[in-house]
Each structure stands twice: as structure tokens, then as C-alpha cells.
């Protein structure tokens, strides 16, 4: 085996390792002071934090958000777990306090229909508006006039039909 294929293979290996190492790494916003000493409780807190929406960032979990309110919610989740709440009880506490909007996946019920179906309604309204715009534009334009040579040809064809 020559030196060139070996270099290419080792270069590919190095590039592959670099891509894996430099790949997308989640940036968690949990501060060192928020981390619980008990690893089991901390794992539960992290799992719950990934299910809760940052009320400031709106489409980011409190685990990923650097907003002060997200930090307060992370601390609150940890306090509830240390107090002995189950995961469900901690979630229920937060939903009673902040509503279903605090959940990244809120339940489907009449009060959360705007969260679930609002984007679809906006999209459908926009699509209907675009269709109406183009229909009105086409109707307002009316028929396009014939070119002079097409008018002469049409007149000639119509006269031929009368002669027979």
C-alpha cells in the first residue's frame, strides 16, 4: 500500500472524529448552583425541565433557556422534587400556577385548542387569502386582446365558414 492512500484514509479518519466531536452538542442552561447533590433527583429534574416551556422564550425548554424566569422554574422543579413530589405532582403544581402553556406538549382540550390548532388556522387563512387574491386578479384582468395578425386570421376563418 502506497503512502498516498494511507494518508487519505488517516485524513478521513481524523475528519470523521473531528465531525463527531464538533457536532451539534446541546447547550444546557442549568447553572452549577442549581444542580442537586442527589444524581437520581437531578436526573428527574433534568427530564422534567426538558418537558417544560420557558414562558419568556416560548419555544424552548427551561432546561435550554438562559432566561431568569427559566432559572426560577428550574429551581422550583428541584425544590418540589426535594420536598418529595412525584414527577406528575411537580408538573401539576406548575400547570396550576402557570397553566397548560408551561408544557411543551400540552394536553388536547378546548382550553388548549389555540395552541394545537391556531397555527393550522393561520396557515389555512393565509392559503385562502392567497387563492382569493389570485382569483380576483385573474378575473379583473379579463380576456387578453388578440394580436392584429390573429384577428385577421380569425376574420378570414369566419368568412370561410359563411361562404360554405
N, C-alpha and C. Protein backbone atom coordinates (compact mmCIF):
# COMPACT_ATOMS: atom_id res chain seq x y z
N UNK A 1 0.86 -1.19 0.00
CA UNK A 1 0.00 0.00 0.00
C UNK A 1 0.90 1.24 0.00
N UNK A 2 0.61 2.14 -0.90
CA UNK A 2 1.45 3.33 -1.01
C UNK A 2 1.11 4.33 0.10
N UNK A 3 1.93 5.33 0.22
CA UNK A 3 1.77 6.32 1.29
C UNK A 3 0.55 7.21 1.06
N UNK A 4 0.21 7.46 -0.22
CA UNK A 4 -0.91 8.36 -0.51
C UNK A 4 -2.26 7.81 -0.04
N UNK A 5 -2.62 6.55 -0.34
CA UNK A 5 -3.90 6.04 0.17
C UNK A 5 -3.95 5.97 1.70
N UNK A 6 -2.77 5.68 2.33
CA UNK A 6 -2.75 5.65 3.79
C UNK A 6 -3.01 7.03 4.37
N UNK A 7 -2.42 8.05 3.76
CA UNK A 7 -2.65 9.42 4.22
C UNK A 7 -4.10 9.82 4.04
N UNK A 8 -4.68 9.46 2.91
CA UNK A 8 -6.09 9.79 2.66
C UNK A 8 -6.99 9.11 3.68
N UNK A 9 -6.70 7.85 3.97
CA UNK A 9 -7.51 7.11 4.95
C UNK A 9 -7.37 7.73 6.34
N UNK A 10 -6.15 8.08 6.71
CA UNK A 10 -5.97 8.67 8.05
C UNK A 10 -6.59 10.06 8.10
N UNK A 11 -6.53 10.80 6.99
CA UNK A 11 -7.16 12.12 6.95
C UNK A 11 -8.68 11.99 7.10
N UNK A 12 -9.27 11.01 6.42
CA UNK A 12 -10.71 10.77 6.56
C UNK A 12 -11.07 10.39 7.98
N UNK A 13 -10.24 9.57 8.60
CA UNK A 13 -10.50 9.18 9.99
C UNK A 13 -10.45 10.40 10.91
N UNK A 14 -9.44 11.24 10.74
CA UNK A 14 -9.31 12.44 11.57
C UNK A 14 -10.49 13.37 11.34
N UNK A 15 -10.89 13.57 10.08
CA UNK A 15 -12.05 14.42 9.78
C UNK A 15 -13.33 13.85 10.38
N UNK A 16 -13.49 12.53 10.30
CA UNK A 16 -14.67 11.90 10.89
C UNK A 16 -14.74 12.10 12.39
N UNK A 17 -13.62 11.91 13.06
CA UNK A 17 -13.57 12.12 14.51
C UNK A 17 -13.85 13.58 14.85
N UNK A 18 -13.27 14.50 14.06
CA UNK A 18 -13.50 15.93 14.31
C UNK A 18 -14.97 16.29 14.14
N UNK A 19 -15.64 15.70 13.14
CA UNK A 19 -17.07 15.98 12.94
C UNK A 19 -17.91 15.45 14.10
N UNK A 20 -17.55 14.28 14.59
CA UNK A 20 -18.31 13.72 15.71
C UNK A 20 -18.11 14.57 16.96
N UNK A 21 -16.88 14.98 17.22
CA UNK A 21 -16.58 15.78 18.41
C UNK A 21 -17.18 17.17 18.29
N UNK A 22 -17.08 17.78 17.11
CA UNK A 22 -17.56 19.16 16.94
C UNK A 22 -19.01 19.21 16.49
N UNK A 23 -19.68 18.09 16.46
CA UNK A 23 -21.08 18.05 16.04
C UNK A 23 -21.98 18.84 16.98
N UNK A 24 -23.24 18.86 16.66
CA UNK A 24 -24.17 19.64 17.50
C UNK A 24 -24.25 19.08 18.91
N UNK A 25 -23.83 19.87 19.84
CA UNK A 25 -23.87 19.48 21.25
C UNK A 25 -24.91 20.36 21.94
N UNK A 26 -25.88 19.76 22.62
CA UNK A 26 -26.89 20.59 23.28
C UNK A 26 -26.27 21.48 24.34
N UNK A 27 -26.68 22.71 24.34
CA UNK A 27 -26.17 23.68 25.32
C UNK A 27 -27.20 23.85 26.42
N UNK A 28 -27.00 23.18 27.52
CA UNK A 28 -27.93 23.28 28.62
C UNK A 28 -27.63 24.53 29.43
N UNK A 29 -28.67 25.12 29.96
CA UNK A 29 -28.51 26.38 30.69
C UNK A 29 -28.52 26.18 32.20
N UNK A 30 -28.50 24.95 32.66
CA UNK A 30 -28.53 24.70 34.09
C UNK A 30 -27.23 25.21 34.71
N UNK A 31 -27.39 26.05 35.70
CA UNK A 31 -26.23 26.63 36.37
C UNK A 31 -25.71 25.68 37.44
N UNK A 32 -24.43 25.73 37.74
CA UNK A 32 -23.87 24.82 38.75
C UNK A 32 -24.56 24.91 40.10
N UNK A 33 -25.03 26.09 40.49
CA UNK A 33 -25.70 26.24 41.76
C UNK A 33 -27.08 25.59 41.81
N UNK A 34 -27.63 25.28 40.64
CA UNK A 34 -28.96 24.65 40.58
C UNK A 34 -28.89 23.13 40.69
N UNK A 35 -27.75 22.55 40.41
CA UNK A 35 -27.61 21.10 40.36
C UNK A 35 -27.77 20.50 41.75
N UNK A 36 -28.61 19.46 41.81
CA UNK A 36 -28.84 18.78 43.09
C UNK A 36 -27.71 17.80 43.39
N UNK A 37 -27.46 17.57 44.66
CA UNK A 37 -26.39 16.65 45.07
C UNK A 37 -26.77 15.20 44.75
N UNK A 38 -28.05 14.88 44.85
CA UNK A 38 -28.53 13.52 44.57
C UNK A 38 -28.64 13.34 43.05
N UNK A 39 -27.84 12.44 42.45
CA UNK A 39 -27.87 12.28 41.00
C UNK A 39 -29.22 11.76 40.46
N UNK A 40 -29.92 10.99 41.26
CA UNK A 40 -31.23 10.48 40.83
C UNK A 40 -32.23 11.63 40.74
N UNK A 41 -32.27 12.47 41.78
CA UNK A 41 -33.17 13.63 41.76
C UNK A 41 -32.78 14.61 40.65
N UNK A 42 -31.49 14.77 40.43
CA UNK A 42 -31.03 15.68 39.37
C UNK A 42 -31.45 15.16 38.00
N UNK A 43 -31.35 13.85 37.80
CA UNK A 43 -31.78 13.27 36.51
C UNK A 43 -33.28 13.49 36.30
N UNK A 44 -34.07 13.31 37.37
CA UNK A 44 -35.52 13.56 37.26
C UNK A 44 -35.79 15.03 36.97
N UNK A 45 -35.06 15.92 37.64
CA UNK A 45 -35.24 17.36 37.43
C UNK A 45 -34.89 17.73 36.00
N UNK A 46 -33.82 17.16 35.45
CA UNK A 46 -33.43 17.46 34.07
C UNK A 46 -34.49 16.95 33.10
N UNK A 47 -35.02 15.75 33.36
CA UNK A 47 -36.06 15.20 32.48
C UNK A 47 -37.30 16.09 32.50
N UNK A 48 -37.70 16.54 33.69
CA UNK A 48 -38.87 17.42 33.80
C UNK A 48 -38.59 18.77 33.15
N UNK A 49 -37.38 19.28 33.31
CA UNK A 49 -37.03 20.58 32.72
C UNK A 49 -37.10 20.57 31.20
N UNK A 50 -36.90 19.41 30.61
CA UNK A 50 -36.97 19.31 29.16
C UNK A 50 -38.41 19.24 28.66
N UNK A 51 -39.36 18.99 29.55
CA UNK A 51 -40.77 18.94 29.17
C UNK A 51 -41.49 20.27 29.41
N UNK A 52 -40.84 21.20 30.09
CA UNK A 52 -41.47 22.47 30.45
C UNK A 52 -40.99 23.60 29.55
N UNK A 53 -41.93 24.43 29.12
CA UNK A 53 -41.65 25.54 28.21
C UNK A 53 -41.18 26.76 29.00
N UNK A 54 -40.17 27.42 28.46
CA UNK A 54 -39.77 28.71 29.01
C UNK A 54 -40.84 29.71 28.60
N UNK A 55 -41.43 30.37 29.55
CA UNK A 55 -42.53 31.29 29.26
C UNK A 55 -42.05 32.58 28.61
N UNK A 56 -40.76 32.83 28.65
CA UNK A 56 -40.19 34.01 28.01
C UNK A 56 -39.76 33.66 26.58
N UNK A 57 -39.07 32.53 26.43
CA UNK A 57 -38.54 32.13 25.12
C UNK A 57 -39.60 31.47 24.25
N UNK A 58 -40.61 30.92 24.84
CA UNK A 58 -41.81 30.37 24.23
C UNK A 58 -41.62 29.03 23.52
N UNK A 59 -40.56 28.80 22.79
CA UNK A 59 -40.44 27.50 22.13
C UNK A 59 -39.13 26.83 22.52
N UNK A 60 -38.75 27.04 23.75
CA UNK A 60 -37.51 26.47 24.27
C UNK A 60 -37.83 25.90 25.65
N UNK A 61 -37.22 24.78 25.95
CA UNK A 61 -37.45 24.21 27.27
C UNK A 61 -36.72 25.04 28.32
N UNK A 62 -37.15 24.90 29.58
CA UNK A 62 -36.46 25.64 30.64
C UNK A 62 -35.06 25.08 30.86
N UNK A 63 -34.83 23.86 30.39
CA UNK A 63 -33.51 23.26 30.50
C UNK A 63 -32.52 23.93 29.56
N UNK A 64 -33.02 24.45 28.43
CA UNK A 64 -32.16 25.08 27.42
C UNK A 64 -32.10 26.59 27.54
N UNK A 65 -33.01 27.20 28.27
CA UNK A 65 -33.14 28.65 28.28
C UNK A 65 -32.25 29.30 29.35
N UNK A 66 -31.70 30.45 28.99
CA UNK A 66 -30.91 31.24 29.93
C UNK A 66 -31.73 32.34 30.59
N UNK A 67 -33.01 32.43 30.29
CA UNK A 67 -33.86 33.48 30.83
C UNK A 67 -33.97 33.34 32.36
N UNK A 68 -34.03 34.45 33.07
CA UNK A 68 -34.16 34.39 34.54
C UNK A 68 -35.40 33.61 34.99
N UNK A 69 -36.52 33.76 34.27
CA UNK A 69 -37.72 33.02 34.65
C UNK A 69 -37.50 31.51 34.49
N UNK A 70 -36.79 31.10 33.45
CA UNK A 70 -36.49 29.68 33.26
C UNK A 70 -35.64 29.16 34.42
N UNK A 71 -34.67 29.97 34.86
CA UNK A 71 -33.84 29.57 36.01
C UNK A 71 -34.71 29.42 37.26
N UNK A 72 -35.65 30.34 37.45
CA UNK A 72 -36.56 30.25 38.60
C UNK A 72 -37.40 28.98 38.53
N UNK A 73 -37.87 28.64 37.33
CA UNK A 73 -38.68 27.43 37.17
C UNK A 73 -37.84 26.18 37.41
N UNK A 74 -36.59 26.18 36.96
CA UNK A 74 -35.72 25.03 37.21
C UNK A 74 -35.51 24.84 38.71
N UNK A 75 -35.29 25.94 39.43
CA UNK A 75 -35.12 25.87 40.88
C UNK A 75 -36.40 25.37 41.53
N UNK A 76 -37.53 25.86 41.06
CA UNK A 76 -38.82 25.45 41.62
C UNK A 76 -39.06 23.95 41.42
N UNK A 77 -38.73 23.43 40.24
CA UNK A 77 -38.87 22.00 39.98
C UNK A 77 -37.99 21.22 40.96
N UNK A 78 -36.77 21.65 41.14
CA UNK A 78 -35.87 20.95 42.06
C UNK A 78 -36.37 21.02 43.51
N UNK A 79 -36.92 22.16 43.90
CA UNK A 79 -37.48 22.29 45.26
C UNK A 79 -38.63 21.31 45.46
N UNK A 80 -39.49 21.19 44.45
CA UNK A 80 -40.63 20.28 44.55
C UNK A 80 -40.15 18.83 44.66
N UNK A 81 -39.13 18.46 43.89
CA UNK A 81 -38.61 17.10 43.94
C UNK A 81 -37.94 16.80 45.28
N UNK A 82 -37.20 17.76 45.81
CA UNK A 82 -36.55 17.59 47.12
C UNK A 82 -37.61 17.47 48.21
N UNK A 83 -38.73 18.18 48.03
CA UNK A 83 -39.82 18.12 49.02
C UNK A 83 -40.55 16.79 48.97
N UNK A 84 -40.25 15.96 47.95
CA UNK A 84 -40.86 14.63 47.89
C UNK A 84 -41.95 14.49 46.85
N UNK A 85 -42.19 15.50 46.04
CA UNK A 85 -43.21 15.40 44.99
C UNK A 85 -42.80 14.39 43.94
N UNK A 86 -43.79 13.71 43.39
CA UNK A 86 -43.53 12.85 42.23
C UNK A 86 -43.39 13.75 41.01
N UNK A 87 -42.94 13.17 39.90
CA UNK A 87 -42.80 13.95 38.66
C UNK A 87 -44.16 14.53 38.27
N UNK A 88 -45.18 13.72 38.37
CA UNK A 88 -46.53 14.16 38.00
C UNK A 88 -47.00 15.30 38.90
N UNK A 89 -46.74 15.18 40.20
CA UNK A 89 -47.16 16.22 41.15
C UNK A 89 -46.42 17.54 40.87
N UNK A 90 -45.15 17.45 40.52
CA UNK A 90 -44.39 18.67 40.22
C UNK A 90 -44.94 19.34 38.97
N UNK A 91 -45.27 18.54 37.95
CA UNK A 91 -45.85 19.08 36.72
C UNK A 91 -47.22 19.70 37.01
N UNK A 92 -48.03 19.01 37.80
CA UNK A 92 -49.36 19.54 38.14
C UNK A 92 -49.25 20.86 38.92
N UNK A 93 -48.26 20.95 39.81
CA UNK A 93 -48.05 22.19 40.56
C UNK A 93 -47.77 23.35 39.60
N UNK A 94 -46.90 23.10 38.64
CA UNK A 94 -46.54 24.16 37.69
C UNK A 94 -47.69 24.50 36.75
N UNK A 95 -48.47 23.51 36.33
CA UNK A 95 -49.59 23.81 35.44
C UNK A 95 -50.71 24.54 36.17
N UNK A 96 -50.87 24.26 37.46
CA UNK A 96 -51.86 25.03 38.23
C UNK A 96 -51.43 26.48 38.37
N UNK A 97 -50.14 26.67 38.49
CA UNK A 97 -49.61 28.03 38.69
C UNK A 97 -49.51 28.80 37.38
N UNK A 98 -49.07 28.15 36.29
CA UNK A 98 -48.81 28.85 35.03
C UNK A 98 -49.72 28.44 33.88
N UNK A 99 -50.56 27.43 34.08
CA UNK A 99 -51.45 26.98 33.02
C UNK A 99 -50.79 25.93 32.13
N UNK A 100 -51.58 25.39 31.21
CA UNK A 100 -51.08 24.34 30.32
C UNK A 100 -50.00 24.85 29.37
N UNK A 101 -49.92 26.16 29.21
CA UNK A 101 -48.93 26.72 28.30
C UNK A 101 -47.50 26.45 28.74
N UNK A 102 -47.29 26.13 30.02
CA UNK A 102 -45.96 25.86 30.53
C UNK A 102 -45.45 24.50 30.03
N UNK A 103 -46.33 23.67 29.51
CA UNK A 103 -45.94 22.36 28.99
C UNK A 103 -45.55 22.48 27.52
N UNK A 104 -44.45 21.83 27.14
CA UNK A 104 -44.07 21.85 25.73
C UNK A 104 -45.06 21.04 24.90
N UNK A 105 -45.67 20.03 25.50
CA UNK A 105 -46.71 19.24 24.83
C UNK A 105 -47.98 19.28 25.68
N UNK A 106 -48.73 20.36 25.58
CA UNK A 106 -49.93 20.48 26.41
C UNK A 106 -50.99 19.46 25.97
N UNK A 107 -51.90 19.08 26.89
CA UNK A 107 -52.95 18.14 26.52
C UNK A 107 -53.93 18.80 25.53
N UNK A 108 -54.55 17.96 24.70
CA UNK A 108 -55.53 18.49 23.74
C UNK A 108 -56.88 18.55 24.45
N UNK A 109 -57.31 19.75 24.72
CA UNK A 109 -58.61 20.02 25.34
C UNK A 109 -59.06 21.40 24.87
N UNK A 110 -60.32 21.74 25.04
CA UNK A 110 -60.81 23.02 24.49
C UNK A 110 -59.97 24.23 24.89
N UNK A 111 -59.45 24.23 26.09
CA UNK A 111 -58.67 25.40 26.51
C UNK A 111 -57.31 25.49 25.81
N UNK A 112 -56.83 24.38 25.25
CA UNK A 112 -55.53 24.40 24.56
C UNK A 112 -55.67 24.28 23.05
N UNK A 113 -56.89 24.30 22.54
CA UNK A 113 -57.08 24.24 21.09
C UNK A 113 -56.32 25.33 20.35
N UNK A 114 -56.26 26.58 20.86
CA UNK A 114 -55.47 27.59 20.14
C UNK A 114 -53.99 27.20 20.03
N UNK A 115 -53.45 26.52 21.04
CA UNK A 115 -52.06 26.10 20.97
C UNK A 115 -51.86 25.01 19.91
N UNK A 116 -52.82 24.10 19.83
CA UNK A 116 -52.70 22.98 18.90
C UNK A 116 -53.11 23.35 17.48
N UNK A 117 -54.23 24.05 17.35
CA UNK A 117 -54.80 24.27 16.03
C UNK A 117 -54.67 25.70 15.52
N UNK A 118 -54.19 26.61 16.36
CA UNK A 118 -54.01 28.00 15.94
C UNK A 118 -53.09 28.15 14.75
N UNK A 119 -51.91 27.51 14.77
CA UNK A 119 -51.03 27.63 13.60
C UNK A 119 -51.66 27.10 12.32
N UNK A 120 -52.42 26.00 12.43
CA UNK A 120 -53.09 25.47 11.24
C UNK A 120 -54.16 26.43 10.73
N UNK A 121 -54.87 27.07 11.64
CA UNK A 121 -55.90 28.03 11.24
C UNK A 121 -55.27 29.24 10.55
N UNK A 122 -54.15 29.71 11.07
CA UNK A 122 -53.45 30.84 10.44
C UNK A 122 -52.96 30.44 9.05
N UNK A 123 -52.41 29.24 8.92
CA UNK A 123 -51.92 28.75 7.64
C UNK A 123 -53.07 28.61 6.63
N UNK A 124 -54.20 28.04 7.07
CA UNK A 124 -55.36 27.88 6.19
C UNK A 124 -55.91 29.24 5.76
N UNK A 125 -55.96 30.19 6.68
CA UNK A 125 -56.44 31.53 6.35
C UNK A 125 -55.51 32.20 5.34
N UNK A 126 -54.23 32.05 5.52
CA UNK A 126 -53.26 32.63 4.58
C UNK A 126 -53.39 31.99 3.21
N UNK A 127 -53.55 30.68 3.15
CA UNK A 127 -53.71 29.99 1.87
C UNK A 127 -54.98 30.44 1.16
N UNK A 128 -56.08 30.55 1.92
CA UNK A 128 -57.34 31.02 1.33
C UNK A 128 -57.18 32.44 0.81
N UNK A 129 -56.49 33.29 1.55
CA UNK A 129 -56.26 34.67 1.12
C UNK A 129 -55.45 34.73 -0.17
N UNK A 130 -54.45 33.89 -0.28
CA UNK A 130 -53.63 33.85 -1.50
C UNK A 130 -54.44 33.39 -2.69
N UNK A 131 -55.25 32.35 -2.49
CA UNK A 131 -56.11 31.85 -3.58
C UNK A 131 -57.08 32.93 -4.01
N UNK A 132 -57.74 33.59 -3.07
CA UNK A 132 -58.69 34.66 -3.42
C UNK A 132 -57.99 35.81 -4.14
N UNK A 133 -56.81 36.16 -3.70
CA UNK A 133 -56.06 37.24 -4.34
C UNK A 133 -55.81 36.93 -5.81
N UNK A 134 -55.33 35.71 -6.10
CA UNK A 134 -55.01 35.37 -7.48
C UNK A 134 -56.27 35.19 -8.32
N UNK A 135 -57.36 34.70 -7.73
CA UNK A 135 -58.62 34.57 -8.49
C UNK A 135 -59.16 35.95 -8.86
N UNK A 136 -59.15 36.87 -7.92
CA UNK A 136 -59.64 38.23 -8.21
C UNK A 136 -58.74 38.93 -9.22
N UNK A 137 -57.47 38.69 -9.10
CA UNK A 137 -56.52 39.31 -10.03
C UNK A 137 -56.75 38.79 -11.45
N UNK A 138 -56.99 37.47 -11.57
CA UNK A 138 -57.24 36.89 -12.89
C UNK A 138 -58.57 37.38 -13.44
N UNK A 139 -59.60 37.50 -12.58
CA UNK A 139 -60.92 37.96 -13.04
C UNK A 139 -60.87 39.43 -13.45
N UNK A 140 -60.10 40.23 -12.75
CA UNK A 140 -60.01 41.66 -13.06
C UNK A 140 -59.25 41.89 -14.36
N UNK A 141 -58.34 41.00 -14.69
CA UNK A 141 -57.55 41.19 -15.90
C UNK A 141 -58.39 41.02 -17.15
N UNK A 142 -59.42 40.17 -17.09
CA UNK A 142 -60.28 39.95 -18.26
C UNK A 142 -59.53 39.23 -19.37
N UNK A 143 -60.22 39.05 -20.50
CA UNK A 143 -59.57 38.35 -21.60
C UNK A 143 -58.50 39.24 -22.24
N UNK A 144 -57.45 38.63 -22.68
CA UNK A 144 -56.38 39.40 -23.34
C UNK A 144 -56.76 39.60 -24.80
N UNK A 145 -56.55 40.79 -25.35
CA UNK A 145 -56.91 41.04 -26.74
C UNK A 145 -56.01 40.25 -27.69
N UNK A 146 -56.57 39.96 -28.88
CA UNK A 146 -55.81 39.23 -29.87
C UNK A 146 -54.81 40.14 -30.55
N UNK A 147 -53.74 39.54 -30.97
CA UNK A 147 -52.76 40.28 -31.76
C UNK A 147 -53.38 40.58 -33.12
N UNK A 148 -52.95 41.65 -33.81
CA UNK A 148 -53.55 42.00 -35.11
C UNK A 148 -53.51 40.86 -36.13
N UNK A 149 -52.44 40.11 -36.19
CA UNK A 149 -52.39 39.01 -37.16
C UNK A 149 -53.37 37.90 -36.80
N UNK A 150 -53.59 37.68 -35.49
CA UNK A 150 -54.57 36.68 -35.07
C UNK A 150 -55.98 37.14 -35.39
N UNK A 151 -56.26 38.44 -35.26
CA UNK A 151 -57.59 38.97 -35.62
C UNK A 151 -57.85 38.78 -37.10
N UNK A 152 -56.87 39.04 -37.97
CA UNK A 152 -57.03 38.86 -39.42
C UNK A 152 -57.29 37.40 -39.74
N UNK A 153 -56.54 36.51 -39.09
CA UNK A 153 -56.71 35.07 -39.34
C UNK A 153 -58.10 34.61 -38.89
N UNK A 154 -58.55 35.10 -37.74
CA UNK A 154 -59.88 34.75 -37.24
C UNK A 154 -60.96 35.26 -38.19
N UNK A 155 -60.81 36.50 -38.65
CA UNK A 155 -61.79 37.05 -39.59
C UNK A 155 -61.81 36.23 -40.87
N UNK A 156 -60.65 35.82 -41.37
CA UNK A 156 -60.58 35.02 -42.59
C UNK A 156 -61.28 33.67 -42.38
N UNK A 157 -61.03 33.04 -41.23
CA UNK A 157 -61.65 31.74 -40.94
C UNK A 157 -63.17 31.86 -40.81
N UNK A 158 -63.62 32.94 -40.20
CA UNK A 158 -65.07 33.12 -40.02
C UNK A 158 -65.74 33.40 -41.37
N UNK A 159 -65.08 34.13 -42.24
CA UNK A 159 -65.63 34.41 -43.58
C UNK A 159 -65.68 33.15 -44.40
N UNK A 160 -64.69 32.26 -44.25
CA UNK A 160 -64.70 31.00 -44.98
C UNK A 160 -65.89 30.16 -44.56
N UNK A 161 -66.23 30.19 -43.27
CA UNK A 161 -67.35 29.41 -42.77
C UNK A 161 -68.68 29.93 -43.29
N UNK A 162 -68.81 31.18 -43.62
CA UNK A 162 -70.06 31.76 -44.13
C UNK A 162 -70.26 31.44 -45.60
N UNK A 163 -69.13 31.33 -46.30
CA UNK A 163 -69.22 31.09 -47.73
C UNK A 163 -69.74 29.69 -48.05
N UNK A 164 -69.56 28.76 -47.19
CA UNK A 164 -70.00 27.39 -47.49
C UNK A 164 -71.41 27.12 -47.14
